[in-house]
Amino acid sequence: MRLDVENAVNEALQQTDELDNLLIQLRNRAVRFSCRKQDGTLREAFGTLKPCLLEEYRAGSKSRSRSTNDCVHYFDLERNAWRCFCPENFITIHELP
């Protein structure tokens, strides 16, 4: 039982570290990552929070960021719109070629 709890805690800490890493990368560049959508399907997204990239892409977008404190918000560069996901649905960061 104790080993199960330790494993769960270690997994949660690793997931938190990976999510923190994603947020840092989003603020500094465009990032390809995966998360699970609310309907259970997988989304592979290409997004950013870097101000100079946001200015370039947002100009043609009618989408607006909504204030939802418990979600991770990012600007989807392929959809040209704001998107968000629940932190617990984050899966991984993909390396760009």
PDB file of N, CA and C in Angstrom:
ATOM      1  N   MET A   1       0.829  -1.200   0.000  1.00  0.00           N
ATOM      2  CA  MET A   1       0.000   0.000   0.000  1.00  0.00           C
ATOM      3  C   MET A   1       0.869   1.256   0.000  1.00  0.00           C
ATOM      4  N   ARG A   2       1.887   1.262   0.874  1.00  0.00           N
ATOM      5  CA  ARG A   2       2.757   2.429   0.970  1.00  0.00           C
ATOM      6  C   ARG A   2       3.483   2.681  -0.350  1.00  0.00           C
ATOM      7  N   LEU A   3       3.909   1.612  -1.014  1.00  0.00           N
ATOM      8  CA  LEU A   3       4.601   1.738  -2.293  1.00  0.00           C
ATOM      9  C   LEU A   3       3.684   2.357  -3.348  1.00  0.00           C
ATOM     10  N   ASP A   4       2.403   1.982  -3.323  1.00  0.00           N
ATOM     11  CA  ASP A   4       1.437   2.559  -4.258  1.00  0.00           C
ATOM     12  C   ASP A   4       1.294   4.066  -4.047  1.00  0.00           C
ATOM     13  N   VAL A   5       1.244   4.473  -2.795  1.00  0.00           N
ATOM     14  CA  VAL A   5       1.114   5.896  -2.478  1.00  0.00           C
ATOM     15  C   VAL A   5       2.371   6.644  -2.919  1.00  0.00           C
ATOM     16  N   GLU A   6       3.543   6.075  -2.640  1.00  0.00           N
ATOM     17  CA  GLU A   6       4.795   6.710  -3.049  1.00  0.00           C
ATOM     18  C   GLU A   6       4.864   6.848  -4.567  1.00  0.00           C
ATOM     19  N   ASN A   7       4.459   5.816  -5.283  1.00  0.00           N
ATOM     20  CA  ASN A   7       4.461   5.868  -6.745  1.00  0.00           C
ATOM     21  C   ASN A   7       3.502   6.941  -7.254  1.00  0.00           C
ATOM     22  N   ALA A   8       2.333   7.030  -6.642  1.00  0.00           N
ATOM     23  CA  ALA A   8       1.350   8.036  -7.054  1.00  0.00           C
ATOM     24  C   ALA A   8       1.881   9.447  -6.808  1.00  0.00           C
ATOM     25  N   VAL A   9       2.523   9.653  -5.673  1.00  0.00           N
ATOM     26  CA  VAL A   9       3.094  10.961  -5.357  1.00  0.00           C
ATOM     27  C   VAL A   9       4.211  11.300  -6.342  1.00  0.00           C
ATOM     28  N   ASN A  10       5.077  10.337  -6.628  1.00  0.00           N
ATOM     29  CA  ASN A  10       6.169  10.571  -7.576  1.00  0.00           C
ATOM     30  C   ASN A  10       5.643  10.894  -8.970  1.00  0.00           C
ATOM     31  N   GLU A  11       4.612  10.198  -9.407  1.00  0.00           N
ATOM     32  CA  GLU A  11       4.002  10.472 -10.714  1.00  0.00           C
ATOM     33  C   GLU A  11       3.403  11.877 -10.750  1.00  0.00           C
ATOM     34  N   ALA A  12       2.725  12.256  -9.674  1.00  0.00           N
ATOM     35  CA  ALA A  12       2.115  13.587  -9.605  1.00  0.00           C
ATOM     36  C   ALA A  12       3.185  14.680  -9.637  1.00  0.00           C
ATOM     37  N   LEU A  13       4.286  14.471  -8.929  1.00  0.00           N
ATOM     38  CA  LEU A  13       5.374  15.448  -8.934  1.00  0.00           C
ATOM     39  C   LEU A  13       6.019  15.558 -10.313  1.00  0.00           C
ATOM     40  N   GLN A  14       6.197  14.432 -10.980  1.00  0.00           N
ATOM     41  CA  GLN A  14       6.768  14.438 -12.322  1.00  0.00           C
ATOM     42  C   GLN A  14       5.838  15.167 -13.292  1.00  0.00           C
ATOM     43  N   GLN A  15       4.548  14.906 -13.183  1.00  0.00           N
ATOM     44  CA  GLN A  15       3.563  15.566 -14.049  1.00  0.00           C
ATOM     45  C   GLN A  15       3.570  17.080 -13.809  1.00  0.00           C
ATOM     46  N   THR A  16       3.686  17.485 -12.548  1.00  0.00           N
ATOM     47  CA  THR A  16       3.739  18.906 -12.206  1.00  0.00           C
ATOM     48  C   THR A  16       4.983  19.557 -12.798  1.00  0.00           C
ATOM     49  N   ASP A  17       6.125  18.869 -12.701  1.00  0.00           N
ATOM     50  CA  ASP A  17       7.366  19.391 -13.279  1.00  0.00           C
ATOM     51  C   ASP A  17       7.244  19.545 -14.791  1.00  0.00           C
ATOM     52  N   GLU A  18       6.642  18.564 -15.455  1.00  0.00           N
ATOM     53  CA  GLU A  18       6.478  18.619 -16.907  1.00  0.00           C
ATOM     54  C   GLU A  18       5.535  19.756 -17.308  1.00  0.00           C
ATOM     55  N   LEU A  19       4.482  19.959 -16.533  1.00  0.00           N
ATOM     56  CA  LEU A  19       3.550  21.055 -16.816  1.00  0.00           C
ATOM     57  C   LEU A  19       4.232  22.408 -16.609  1.00  0.00           C
ATOM     58  N   ASP A  20       5.018  22.534 -15.543  1.00  0.00           N
ATOM     59  CA  ASP A  20       5.782  23.768 -15.317  1.00  0.00           C
ATOM     60  C   ASP A  20       6.727  24.031 -16.488  1.00  0.00           C
ATOM     61  N   ASN A  21       7.378  22.970 -16.970  1.00  0.00           N
ATOM     62  CA  ASN A  21       8.280  23.083 -18.111  1.00  0.00           C
ATOM     63  C   ASN A  21       7.517  23.558 -19.352  1.00  0.00           C
ATOM     64  N   LEU A  22       6.326  23.015 -19.576  1.00  0.00           N
ATOM     65  CA  LEU A  22       5.506  23.446 -20.711  1.00  0.00           C
ATOM     66  C   LEU A  22       5.205  24.941 -20.615  1.00  0.00           C
ATOM     67  N   LEU A  23       4.799  25.403 -19.450  1.00  0.00           N
ATOM     68  CA  LEU A  23       4.456  26.821 -19.277  1.00  0.00           C
ATOM     69  C   LEU A  23       5.659  27.722 -19.536  1.00  0.00           C
ATOM     70  N   ILE A  24       6.829  27.310 -19.075  1.00  0.00           N
ATOM     71  CA  ILE A  24       8.052  28.075 -19.331  1.00  0.00           C
ATOM     72  C   ILE A  24       8.324  28.129 -20.829  1.00  0.00           C
ATOM     73  N   GLN A  25       8.217  26.977 -21.483  1.00  0.00           N
ATOM     74  CA  GLN A  25       8.483  26.931 -22.921  1.00  0.00           C
ATOM     75  C   GLN A  25       7.448  27.738 -23.710  1.00  0.00           C
ATOM     76  N   LEU A  26       6.177  27.663 -23.325  1.00  0.00           N
ATOM     77  CA  LEU A  26       5.136  28.430 -24.018  1.00  0.00           C
ATOM     78  C   LEU A  26       5.416  29.930 -23.957  1.00  0.00           C
ATOM     79  N   ARG A  27       5.965  30.385 -22.842  1.00  0.00           N
ATOM     80  CA  ARG A  27       6.259  31.817 -22.691  1.00  0.00           C
ATOM     81  C   ARG A  27       7.463  32.260 -23.522  1.00  0.00           C
ATOM     82  N   ASN A  28       8.265  31.281 -23.983  1.00  0.00           N
ATOM     83  CA  ASN A  28       9.501  31.612 -24.681  1.00  0.00           C
ATOM     84  C   ASN A  28       9.548  31.230 -26.151  1.00  0.00           C
ATOM     85  N   ARG A  29       8.619  30.378 -26.597  1.00  0.00           N
ATOM     86  CA  ARG A  29       8.662  29.924 -27.985  1.00  0.00           C
ATOM     87  C   ARG A  29       7.355  29.216 -28.330  1.00  0.00           C
ATOM     88  N   ALA A  30       7.266  28.755 -29.565  1.00  0.00           N
ATOM     89  CA  ALA A  30       6.137  27.915 -29.981  1.00  0.00           C
ATOM     90  C   ALA A  30       6.448  26.473 -29.579  1.00  0.00           C
ATOM     91  N   VAL A  31       5.443  25.777 -29.056  1.00  0.00           N
ATOM     92  CA  VAL A  31       5.639  24.428 -28.518  1.00  0.00           C
ATOM     93  C   VAL A  31       4.580  23.485 -29.084  1.00  0.00           C
ATOM     94  N   ARG A  32       5.013  22.282 -29.467  1.00  0.00           N
ATOM     95  CA  ARG A  32       4.069  21.234 -29.860  1.00  0.00           C
ATOM     96  C   ARG A  32       3.919  20.316 -28.647  1.00  0.00           C
ATOM     97  N   PHE A  33       2.666  20.076 -28.245  1.00  0.00           N
ATOM     98  CA  PHE A  33       2.401  19.248 -27.068  1.00  0.00           C
ATOM     99  C   PHE A  33       1.075  18.524 -27.243  1.00  0.00           C
ATOM    100  N   SER A  34       0.838  17.563 -26.369  1.00  0.00           N
ATOM    101  CA  SER A  34      -0.414  16.802 -26.405  1.00  0.00           C
ATOM    102  C   SER A  34      -1.150  16.938 -25.085  1.00  0.00           C
ATOM    103  N   CYS A  35      -2.473  16.945 -25.192  1.00  0.00           N
ATOM    104  CA  CYS A  35      -3.336  16.936 -24.014  1.00  0.00           C
ATOM    105  C   CYS A  35      -4.625  16.199 -24.376  1.00  0.00           C
ATOM    106  N   ARG A  36      -5.342  15.792 -23.365  1.00  0.00           N
ATOM    107  CA  ARG A  36      -6.608  15.108 -23.577  1.00  0.00           C
ATOM    108  C   ARG A  36      -7.726  16.141 -23.517  1.00  0.00           C
ATOM    109  N   LYS A  37      -8.588  16.125 -24.522  1.00  0.00           N
ATOM    110  CA  LYS A  37      -9.720  17.047 -24.562  1.00  0.00           C
ATOM    111  C   LYS A  37     -10.808  16.572 -23.597  1.00  0.00           C
ATOM    112  N   GLN A  38     -11.779  17.426 -23.332  1.00  0.00           N
ATOM    113  CA  GLN A  38     -12.856  17.080 -22.400  1.00  0.00           C
ATOM    114  C   GLN A  38     -13.649  15.866 -22.849  1.00  0.00           C
ATOM    115  N   ASP A  39     -13.740  15.654 -24.165  1.00  0.00           N
ATOM    116  CA  ASP A  39     -14.495  14.497 -24.659  1.00  0.00           C
ATOM    117  C   ASP A  39     -13.669  13.213 -24.650  1.00  0.00           C
ATOM    118  N   GLY A  40     -12.420  13.303 -24.159  1.00  0.00           N
ATOM    119  CA  GLY A  40     -11.567  12.129 -24.045  1.00  0.00           C
ATOM    120  C   GLY A  40     -10.632  11.910 -25.221  1.00  0.00           C
ATOM    121  N   THR A  41     -10.814  12.648 -26.302  1.00  0.00           N
ATOM    122  CA  THR A  41      -9.934  12.482 -27.453  1.00  0.00           C
ATOM    123  C   THR A  41      -8.616  13.212 -27.218  1.00  0.00           C
ATOM    124  N   LEU A  42      -7.615  12.813 -27.972  1.00  0.00           N
ATOM    125  CA  LEU A  42      -6.287  13.387 -27.848  1.00  0.00           C
ATOM    126  C   LEU A  42      -6.147  14.594 -28.773  1.00  0.00           C
ATOM    127  N   ARG A  43      -5.582  15.667 -28.252  1.00  0.00           N
ATOM    128  CA  ARG A  43      -5.297  16.847 -29.076  1.00  0.00           C
ATOM    129  C   ARG A  43      -3.795  17.050 -29.101  1.00  0.00           C
ATOM    130  N   GLU A  44      -3.240  17.138 -30.305  1.00  0.00           N
ATOM    131  CA  GLU A  44      -1.852  17.555 -30.455  1.00  0.00           C
ATOM    132  C   GLU A  44      -1.906  19.009 -30.882  1.00  0.00           C
ATOM    133  N   ALA A  45      -1.370  19.879 -30.055  1.00  0.00           N
ATOM    134  CA  ALA A  45      -1.474  21.315 -30.291  1.00  0.00           C
ATOM    135  C   ALA A  45      -0.104  21.923 -30.569  1.00  0.00           C
ATOM    136  N   PHE A  46      -0.119  23.053 -31.260  1.00  0.00           N
ATOM    137  CA  PHE A  46       1.081  23.836 -31.521  1.00  0.00           C
ATOM    138  C   PHE A  46       0.745  25.246 -31.072  1.00  0.00           C
ATOM    139  N   GLY A  47       1.258  25.630 -29.896  1.00  0.00           N
ATOM    140  CA  GLY A  47       0.835  26.891 -29.318  1.00  0.00           C
ATOM    141  C   GLY A  47       1.955  27.684 -28.695  1.00  0.00           C
ATOM    142  N   THR A  48       1.606  28.875 -28.215  1.00  0.00           N
ATOM    143  CA  THR A  48       2.585  29.758 -27.595  1.00  0.00           C
ATOM    144  C   THR A  48       1.903  30.743 -26.652  1.00  0.00           C
ATOM    145  N   LEU A  49       2.716  31.363 -25.823  1.00  0.00           N
ATOM    146  CA  LEU A  49       2.327  32.525 -25.025  1.00  0.00           C
ATOM    147  C   LEU A  49       3.361  33.632 -25.190  1.00  0.00           C
ATOM    148  N   LYS A  50       4.303  33.444 -26.126  1.00  0.00           N
ATOM    149  CA  LYS A  50       5.369  34.420 -26.343  1.00  0.00           C
ATOM    150  C   LYS A  50       4.771  35.676 -26.978  1.00  0.00           C
ATOM    151  N   PRO A  51       4.940  36.835 -26.326  1.00  0.00           N
ATOM    152  CA  PRO A  51       4.290  38.061 -26.786  1.00  0.00           C
ATOM    153  C   PRO A  51       4.525  38.411 -28.255  1.00  0.00           C
ATOM    154  N   CYS A  52       5.766  38.326 -28.742  1.00  0.00           N
ATOM    155  CA  CYS A  52       6.001  38.735 -30.138  1.00  0.00           C
ATOM    156  C   CYS A  52       5.326  37.783 -31.120  1.00  0.00           C
ATOM    157  N   LEU A  53       5.210  36.509 -30.781  1.00  0.00           N
ATOM    158  CA  LEU A  53       4.490  35.569 -31.643  1.00  0.00           C
ATOM    159  C   LEU A  53       2.988  35.803 -31.557  1.00  0.00           C
ATOM    160  N   LEU A  54       2.505  36.132 -30.371  1.00  0.00           N
ATOM    161  CA  LEU A  54       1.075  36.405 -30.206  1.00  0.00           C
ATOM    162  C   LEU A  54       0.649  37.591 -31.057  1.00  0.00           C
ATOM    163  N   GLU A  55       1.445  38.635 -31.066  1.00  0.00           N
ATOM    164  CA  GLU A  55       1.105  39.819 -31.863  1.00  0.00           C
ATOM    165  C   GLU A  55       0.991  39.466 -33.338  1.00  0.00           C
ATOM    166  N   GLU A  56       1.922  38.639 -33.812  1.00  0.00           N
ATOM    167  CA  GLU A  56       1.942  38.267 -35.227  1.00  0.00           C
ATOM    168  C   GLU A  56       0.714  37.440 -35.612  1.00  0.00           C
ATOM    169  N   TYR A  57       0.360  36.463 -34.797  1.00  0.00           N
ATOM    170  CA  TYR A  57      -0.725  35.544 -35.142  1.00  0.00           C
ATOM    171  C   TYR A  57      -2.106  36.057 -34.751  1.00  0.00           C
ATOM    172  N   ARG A  58      -2.181  36.770 -33.639  1.00  0.00           N
ATOM    173  CA  ARG A  58      -3.482  37.215 -33.134  1.00  0.00           C
ATOM    174  C   ARG A  58      -4.152  38.248 -34.012  1.00  0.00           C
ATOM    175  N   ALA A  59      -3.382  38.937 -34.824  1.00  0.00           N
ATOM    176  CA  ALA A  59      -3.934  40.021 -35.640  1.00  0.00           C
ATOM    177  C   ALA A  59      -5.131  39.564 -36.463  1.00  0.00           C
ATOM    178  N   GLY A  60      -5.083  38.363 -37.012  1.00  0.00           N
ATOM    179  CA  GLY A  60      -6.182  37.874 -37.848  1.00  0.00           C
ATOM    180  C   GLY A  60      -7.196  37.031 -37.109  1.00  0.00           C
ATOM    181  N   SER A  61      -7.059  36.924 -35.810  1.00  0.00           N
ATOM    182  CA  SER A  61      -7.950  36.067 -35.028  1.00  0.00           C
ATOM    183  C   SER A  61      -9.063  36.872 -34.375  1.00  0.00           C
ATOM    184  N   LYS A  62     -10.259  36.330 -34.385  1.00  0.00           N
ATOM    185  CA  LYS A  62     -11.386  36.949 -33.683  1.00  0.00           C
ATOM    186  C   LYS A  62     -11.551  36.324 -32.295  1.00  0.00           C
ATOM    187  N   SER A  63     -10.741  35.318 -31.997  1.00  0.00           N
ATOM    188  CA  SER A  63     -10.807  34.596 -30.735  1.00  0.00           C
ATOM    189  C   SER A  63     -10.257  35.459 -29.603  1.00  0.00           C
ATOM    190  N   ARG A  64     -10.827  35.325 -28.421  1.00  0.00           N
ATOM    191  CA  ARG A  64     -10.370  36.036 -27.231  1.00  0.00           C
ATOM    192  C   ARG A  64     -10.116  35.023 -26.121  1.00  0.00           C
ATOM    193  N   SER A  65      -9.101  35.317 -25.316  1.00  0.00           N
ATOM    194  CA  SER A  65      -8.795  34.460 -24.175  1.00  0.00           C
ATOM    195  C   SER A  65      -9.870  34.659 -23.115  1.00  0.00           C
ATOM    196  N   ARG A  66     -10.356  33.567 -22.568  1.00  0.00           N
ATOM    197  CA  ARG A  66     -11.353  33.635 -21.496  1.00  0.00           C
ATOM    198  C   ARG A  66     -10.663  33.428 -20.160  1.00  0.00           C
ATOM    199  N   SER A  67     -11.188  34.022 -19.142  1.00  0.00           N
ATOM    200  CA  SER A  67     -10.604  33.900 -17.815  1.00  0.00           C
ATOM    201  C   SER A  67     -11.160  32.670 -17.109  1.00  0.00           C
ATOM    202  N   THR A  68     -10.357  31.630 -17.062  1.00  0.00           N
ATOM    203  CA  THR A  68     -10.705  30.413 -16.335  1.00  0.00           C
ATOM    204  C   THR A  68      -9.481  30.044 -15.517  1.00  0.00           C
ATOM    205  N   ASN A  69      -9.543  30.260 -14.215  1.00  0.00           N
ATOM    206  CA  ASN A  69      -8.368  30.116 -13.365  1.00  0.00           C
ATOM    207  C   ASN A  69      -7.808  28.706 -13.293  1.00  0.00           C
ATOM    208  N   ASP A  70      -8.636  27.703 -13.458  1.00  0.00           N
ATOM    209  CA  ASP A  70      -8.147  26.343 -13.276  1.00  0.00           C
ATOM    210  C   ASP A  70      -7.748  25.673 -14.584  1.00  0.00           C
ATOM    211  N   CYS A  71      -7.573  26.440 -15.654  1.00  0.00           N
ATOM    212  CA  CYS A  71      -7.164  25.894 -16.951  1.00  0.00           C
ATOM    213  C   CYS A  71      -5.845  26.515 -17.394  1.00  0.00           C
ATOM    214  N   VAL A  72      -5.141  25.793 -18.253  1.00  0.00           N
ATOM    215  CA  VAL A  72      -3.935  26.310 -18.891  1.00  0.00           C
ATOM    216  C   VAL A  72      -4.360  26.897 -20.231  1.00  0.00           C
ATOM    217  N   HIS A  73      -4.141  28.186 -20.420  1.00  0.00           N
ATOM    218  CA  HIS A  73      -4.513  28.866 -21.660  1.00  0.00           C
ATOM    219  C   HIS A  73      -3.288  29.007 -22.545  1.00  0.00           C
ATOM    220  N   TYR A  74      -3.495  28.899 -23.846  1.00  0.00           N
ATOM    221  CA  TYR A  74      -2.426  29.095 -24.818  1.00  0.00           C
ATOM    222  C   TYR A  74      -3.061  29.536 -26.128  1.00  0.00           C
ATOM    223  N   PHE A  75      -2.255  30.149 -26.995  1.00  0.00           N
ATOM    224  CA  PHE A  75      -2.749  30.532 -28.312  1.00  0.00           C
ATOM    225  C   PHE A  75      -2.337  29.448 -29.290  1.00  0.00           C
ATOM    226  N   ASP A  76      -3.320  28.801 -29.917  1.00  0.00           N
ATOM    227  CA  ASP A  76      -3.085  27.715 -30.867  1.00  0.00           C
ATOM    228  C   ASP A  76      -2.711  28.329 -32.215  1.00  0.00           C
ATOM    229  N   LEU A  77      -1.475  28.107 -32.637  1.00  0.00           N
ATOM    230  CA  LEU A  77      -0.964  28.714 -33.866  1.00  0.00           C
ATOM    231  C   LEU A  77      -1.534  28.075 -35.125  1.00  0.00           C
ATOM    232  N   GLU A  78      -2.005  26.849 -35.025  1.00  0.00           N
ATOM    233  CA  GLU A  78      -2.601  26.182 -36.186  1.00  0.00           C
ATOM    234  C   GLU A  78      -4.073  26.545 -36.351  1.00  0.00           C
ATOM    235  N   ARG A  79      -4.769  26.764 -35.255  1.00  0.00           N
ATOM    236  CA  ARG A  79      -6.195  27.122 -35.292  1.00  0.00           C
ATOM    237  C   ARG A  79      -6.422  28.629 -35.256  1.00  0.00           C
ATOM    238  N   ASN A  80      -5.349  29.375 -34.967  1.00  0.00           N
ATOM    239  CA  ASN A  80      -5.416  30.828 -34.858  1.00  0.00           C
ATOM    240  C   ASN A  80      -6.492  31.258 -33.855  1.00  0.00           C
ATOM    241  N   ALA A  81      -6.460  30.599 -32.686  1.00  0.00           N
ATOM    242  CA  ALA A  81      -7.474  30.863 -31.660  1.00  0.00           C
ATOM    243  C   ALA A  81      -6.927  30.499 -30.282  1.00  0.00           C
ATOM    244  N   TRP A  82      -7.520  31.099 -29.266  1.00  0.00           N
ATOM    245  CA  TRP A  82      -7.179  30.739 -27.895  1.00  0.00           C
ATOM    246  C   TRP A  82      -7.787  29.385 -27.566  1.00  0.00           C
ATOM    247  N   ARG A  83      -7.039  28.576 -26.861  1.00  0.00           N
ATOM    248  CA  ARG A  83      -7.493  27.267 -26.402  1.00  0.00           C
ATOM    249  C   ARG A  83      -7.072  27.114 -24.944  1.00  0.00           C
ATOM    250  N   CYS A  84      -7.652  26.135 -24.286  1.00  0.00           N
ATOM    251  CA  CYS A  84      -7.237  25.829 -22.921  1.00  0.00           C
ATOM    252  C   CYS A  84      -7.446  24.347 -22.646  1.00  0.00           C
ATOM    253  N   PHE A  85      -6.796  23.870 -21.598  1.00  0.00           N
ATOM    254  CA  PHE A  85      -6.976  22.492 -21.157  1.00  0.00           C
ATOM    255  C   PHE A  85      -6.776  22.435 -19.648  1.00  0.00           C
ATOM    256  N   CYS A  86      -7.350  21.430 -19.033  1.00  0.00           N
ATOM    257  CA  CYS A  86      -7.178  21.220 -17.596  1.00  0.00           C
ATOM    258  C   CYS A  86      -5.778  20.662 -17.353  1.00  0.00           C
ATOM    259  N   PRO A  87      -5.071  21.135 -16.339  1.00  0.00           N
ATOM    260  CA  PRO A  87      -3.709  20.667 -16.086  1.00  0.00           C
ATOM    261  C   PRO A  87      -3.588  19.149 -15.982  1.00  0.00           C
ATOM    262  N   GLU A  88      -4.590  18.503 -15.408  1.00  0.00           N
ATOM    263  CA  GLU A  88      -4.521  17.047 -15.247  1.00  0.00           C
ATOM    264  C   GLU A  88      -4.630  16.306 -16.581  1.00  0.00           C
ATOM    265  N   ASN A  89      -5.014  17.020 -17.644  1.00  0.00           N
ATOM    266  CA  ASN A  89      -5.134  16.405 -18.968  1.00  0.00           C
ATOM    267  C   ASN A  89      -3.894  16.594 -19.838  1.00  0.00           C
ATOM    268  N   PHE A  90      -2.882  17.262 -19.319  1.00  0.00           N
ATOM    269  CA  PHE A  90      -1.628  17.422 -20.057  1.00  0.00           C
ATOM    270  C   PHE A  90      -0.956  16.062 -20.192  1.00  0.00           C
ATOM    271  N   ILE A  91      -0.407  15.781 -21.390  1.00  0.00           N
ATOM    272  CA  ILE A  91       0.246  14.490 -21.623  1.00  0.00           C
ATOM    273  C   ILE A  91       1.750  14.647 -21.799  1.00  0.00           C
ATOM    274  N   THR A  92       2.190  15.381 -22.834  1.00  0.00           N
ATOM    275  CA  THR A  92       3.632  15.481 -23.073  1.00  0.00           C
ATOM    276  C   THR A  92       3.968  16.638 -24.004  1.00  0.00           C
ATOM    277  N   ILE A  93       5.240  17.017 -23.993  1.00  0.00           N
ATOM    278  CA  ILE A  93       5.788  17.990 -24.936  1.00  0.00           C
ATOM    279  C   ILE A  93       6.473  17.199 -26.040  1.00  0.00           C
ATOM    280  N   HIS A  94       6.252  17.598 -27.288  1.00  0.00           N
ATOM    281  CA  HIS A  94       6.901  16.946 -28.426  1.00  0.00           C
ATOM    282  C   HIS A  94       8.086  17.791 -28.871  1.00  0.00           C
ATOM    283  N   GLU A  95       9.169  17.136 -29.193  1.00  0.00           N
ATOM    284  CA  GLU A  95      10.345  17.841 -29.702  1.00  0.00           C
ATOM    285  C   GLU A  95      10.080  18.304 -31.126  1.00  0.00           C
ATOM    286  N   LEU A  96      10.439  19.533 -31.420  1.00  0.00           N
ATOM    287  CA  LEU A  96      10.299  20.059 -32.779  1.00  0.00           C
ATOM    288  C   LEU A  96      11.524  19.650 -33.593  1.00  0.00           C
ATOM    289  N   PRO A  97      11.325  19.365 -34.874  1.00  0.00           N
ATOM    290  CA  PRO A  97      12.470  18.963 -35.716  1.00  0.00           C
ATOM    291  C   PRO A  97      13.460  20.089 -35.916  1.00  0.00           C
TER     292      PRO A  97
END
